[in-house]
Amino acid sequence: MWSIPEFYGRQLLLLLVLSPVLEEVVVRAGLQEWLMRRAPQAVAPPVLVSAATFGLLHLRSGWPHSLAVTVPGLALALLYQRTRSWRWCAVAHSAMNALAISVCGL
């Protein structure tokens, strides 16, 4: 069985590194990029669809949480729209997770 520090270390690794990278690769570099290439002149649909998808990915934590993370998902989608860099989105995502952990705990 894991010790308490090992458990929290694994949780922090998951929330601050693995989840942000994986979610941003899938949602921004995957879905949003695909939508942006399909309709180069359309700005709102790729941003809104990727933000909504980001919220739905968090549905396992319940509807209130899913809706709450849709707003930061919108900010991340706008960041991707401007920079076209999933890496910057992953850094911002990790920072948002760190803020949430510091306020709410694990």
C-alpha atoms as a PDB file:
ATOM      1  CA  MET A   1       0.000   0.000   0.000  1.00  0.00           C
ATOM      2  CA  TRP A   2       1.186   3.564  -0.654  1.00  0.00           C
ATOM      3  CA  SER A   3       2.325   5.853   2.107  1.00  0.00           C
ATOM      4  CA  ILE A   4       0.539   9.188   2.501  1.00  0.00           C
ATOM      5  CA  PRO A   5       3.405  11.298   1.042  1.00  0.00           C
ATOM      6  CA  GLU A   6       3.683   8.889  -1.892  1.00  0.00           C
ATOM      7  CA  PHE A   7      -0.084   9.126  -2.515  1.00  0.00           C
ATOM      8  CA  TYR A   8      -0.009  12.944  -2.515  1.00  0.00           C
ATOM      9  CA  GLY A   9       3.075  12.941  -4.721  1.00  0.00           C
ATOM     10  CA  ARG A  10       1.288  10.765  -7.262  1.00  0.00           C
ATOM     11  CA  GLN A  11      -1.814  12.982  -7.103  1.00  0.00           C
ATOM     12  CA  LEU A  12       0.270  16.113  -7.633  1.00  0.00           C
ATOM     13  CA  LEU A  13       2.097  14.524 -10.566  1.00  0.00           C
ATOM     14  CA  LEU A  14      -1.247  13.597 -12.096  1.00  0.00           C
ATOM     15  CA  LEU A  15      -2.878  17.017 -11.532  1.00  0.00           C
ATOM     16  CA  LEU A  16       0.093  19.239 -12.312  1.00  0.00           C
ATOM     17  CA  VAL A  17       1.803  17.365 -15.154  1.00  0.00           C
ATOM     18  CA  LEU A  18       0.060  14.387 -16.700  1.00  0.00           C
ATOM     19  CA  SER A  19      -3.541  15.629 -16.893  1.00  0.00           C
ATOM     20  CA  PRO A  20      -2.709  19.088 -18.245  1.00  0.00           C
ATOM     21  CA  VAL A  21      -0.443  17.664 -20.951  1.00  0.00           C
ATOM     22  CA  LEU A  22      -2.825  14.897 -21.981  1.00  0.00           C
ATOM     23  CA  GLU A  23      -5.955  17.070 -21.939  1.00  0.00           C
ATOM     24  CA  GLU A  24      -4.315  19.892 -23.877  1.00  0.00           C
ATOM     25  CA  VAL A  25      -2.905  17.538 -26.511  1.00  0.00           C
ATOM     26  CA  VAL A  26      -6.297  15.917 -27.013  1.00  0.00           C
ATOM     27  CA  VAL A  27      -8.593  18.953 -26.702  1.00  0.00           C
ATOM     28  CA  ARG A  28      -6.463  21.817 -28.083  1.00  0.00           C
ATOM     29  CA  ALA A  29      -3.878  20.242 -30.406  1.00  0.00           C
ATOM     30  CA  GLY A  30      -6.375  17.585 -31.467  1.00  0.00           C
ATOM     31  CA  LEU A  31      -9.993  18.704 -31.504  1.00  0.00           C
ATOM     32  CA  GLN A  32      -9.604  22.485 -31.603  1.00  0.00           C
ATOM     33  CA  GLU A  33      -6.832  22.378 -34.199  1.00  0.00           C
ATOM     34  CA  TRP A  34      -8.941  20.049 -36.362  1.00  0.00           C
ATOM     35  CA  LEU A  35     -11.921  22.403 -36.112  1.00  0.00           C
ATOM     36  CA  MET A  36      -9.752  25.423 -36.872  1.00  0.00           C
ATOM     37  CA  ARG A  37      -8.379  23.779 -40.016  1.00  0.00           C
ATOM     38  CA  ARG A  38     -11.843  22.742 -41.204  1.00  0.00           C
ATOM     39  CA  ALA A  39     -13.193  26.293 -40.923  1.00  0.00           C
ATOM     40  CA  PRO A  40     -10.248  28.735 -40.969  1.00  0.00           C
ATOM     41  CA  GLN A  41     -12.481  31.840 -40.880  1.00  0.00           C
ATOM     42  CA  ALA A  42     -14.605  30.628 -37.946  1.00  0.00           C
ATOM     43  CA  VAL A  43     -13.248  31.710 -34.574  1.00  0.00           C
ATOM     44  CA  ALA A  44     -16.108  31.046 -32.155  1.00  0.00           C
ATOM     45  CA  PRO A  45     -17.086  27.438 -33.003  1.00  0.00           C
ATOM     46  CA  PRO A  46     -13.648  25.858 -32.394  1.00  0.00           C
ATOM     47  CA  VAL A  47     -13.243  27.825 -29.161  1.00  0.00           C
ATOM     48  CA  LEU A  48     -16.714  27.025 -27.844  1.00  0.00           C
ATOM     49  CA  VAL A  49     -16.640  23.346 -28.850  1.00  0.00           C
ATOM     50  CA  SER A  50     -13.236  22.760 -27.275  1.00  0.00           C
ATOM     51  CA  ALA A  51     -14.252  24.596 -24.066  1.00  0.00           C
ATOM     52  CA  ALA A  52     -17.455  22.536 -23.834  1.00  0.00           C
ATOM     53  CA  THR A  53     -15.521  19.325 -24.496  1.00  0.00           C
ATOM     54  CA  PHE A  54     -13.039  20.286 -21.785  1.00  0.00           C
ATOM     55  CA  GLY A  55     -15.943  20.721 -19.366  1.00  0.00           C
ATOM     56  CA  LEU A  56     -17.444  17.376 -20.355  1.00  0.00           C
ATOM     57  CA  LEU A  57     -14.113  15.637 -19.745  1.00  0.00           C
ATOM     58  CA  HIS A  58     -14.524  16.636 -16.096  1.00  0.00           C
ATOM     59  CA  LEU A  59     -18.067  15.298 -15.822  1.00  0.00           C
ATOM     60  CA  ARG A  60     -16.873  12.413 -13.664  1.00  0.00           C
ATOM     61  CA  SER A  61     -16.510  14.927 -10.840  1.00  0.00           C
ATOM     62  CA  GLY A  62     -20.157  15.996 -11.234  1.00  0.00           C
ATOM     63  CA  TRP A  63     -22.108  18.622 -13.178  1.00  0.00           C
ATOM     64  CA  PRO A  64     -21.172  21.581 -10.924  1.00  0.00           C
ATOM     65  CA  HIS A  65     -17.462  20.836 -11.355  1.00  0.00           C
ATOM     66  CA  SER A  66     -17.879  20.213 -15.068  1.00  0.00           C
ATOM     67  CA  LEU A  67     -19.588  23.571 -15.530  1.00  0.00           C
ATOM     68  CA  ALA A  68     -17.039  25.319 -13.317  1.00  0.00           C
ATOM     69  CA  VAL A  69     -14.066  24.144 -15.386  1.00  0.00           C
ATOM     70  CA  THR A  70     -15.720  25.182 -18.640  1.00  0.00           C
ATOM     71  CA  VAL A  71     -14.787  28.837 -17.974  1.00  0.00           C
ATOM     72  CA  PRO A  72     -11.058  28.098 -17.548  1.00  0.00           C
ATOM     73  CA  GLY A  73     -11.460  25.800 -20.564  1.00  0.00           C
ATOM     74  CA  LEU A  74     -12.681  28.814 -22.511  1.00  0.00           C
ATOM     75  CA  ALA A  75      -9.594  30.774 -21.445  1.00  0.00           C
ATOM     76  CA  LEU A  76      -7.365  27.892 -22.539  1.00  0.00           C
ATOM     77  CA  ALA A  77      -9.194  27.662 -25.872  1.00  0.00           C
ATOM     78  CA  LEU A  78      -8.666  31.386 -26.473  1.00  0.00           C
ATOM     79  CA  LEU A  79      -4.990  31.003 -25.550  1.00  0.00           C
ATOM     80  CA  TYR A  80      -4.658  28.192 -28.081  1.00  0.00           C
ATOM     81  CA  GLN A  81      -6.523  30.227 -30.712  1.00  0.00           C
ATOM     82  CA  ARG A  82      -3.994  33.017 -30.259  1.00  0.00           C
ATOM     83  CA  THR A  83      -0.742  31.039 -29.848  1.00  0.00           C
ATOM     84  CA  ARG A  84      -1.465  27.690 -31.540  1.00  0.00           C
ATOM     85  CA  SER A  85       0.708  26.155 -28.811  1.00  0.00           C
ATOM     86  CA  TRP A  86      -0.686  23.309 -26.721  1.00  0.00           C
ATOM     87  CA  ARG A  87       2.449  23.625 -24.568  1.00  0.00           C
ATOM     88  CA  TRP A  88       1.500  27.120 -23.368  1.00  0.00           C
ATOM     89  CA  CYS A  89      -1.995  25.806 -22.706  1.00  0.00           C
ATOM     90  CA  ALA A  90      -0.565  22.922 -20.657  1.00  0.00           C
ATOM     91  CA  VAL A  91       1.537  25.351 -18.591  1.00  0.00           C
ATOM     92  CA  ALA A  92      -1.502  27.574 -17.976  1.00  0.00           C
ATOM     93  CA  HIS A  93      -3.640  24.505 -17.199  1.00  0.00           C
ATOM     94  CA  SER A  94      -1.057  23.289 -14.683  1.00  0.00           C
ATOM     95  CA  ALA A  95      -0.961  26.733 -13.050  1.00  0.00           C
ATOM     96  CA  MET A  96      -4.765  26.748 -12.784  1.00  0.00           C
ATOM     97  CA  ASN A  97      -4.665  23.294 -11.191  1.00  0.00           C
ATOM     98  CA  ALA A  98      -1.982  24.458  -8.742  1.00  0.00           C
ATOM     99  CA  LEU A  99      -4.151  27.437  -7.771  1.00  0.00           C
ATOM    100  CA  ALA A 100      -7.188  25.196  -7.308  1.00  0.00           C
ATOM    101  CA  ILE A 101      -5.167  22.776  -5.145  1.00  0.00           C
ATOM    102  CA  SER A 102      -3.821  25.617  -3.012  1.00  0.00           C
ATOM    103  CA  VAL A 103      -7.334  26.980  -2.434  1.00  0.00           C
ATOM    104  CA  CYS A 104      -9.397  23.778  -2.260  1.00  0.00           C
ATOM    105  CA  GLY A 105      -6.828  21.124  -1.378  1.00  0.00           C
ATOM    106  CA  LEU A 106      -6.480  17.699  -2.974  1.00  0.00           C
END
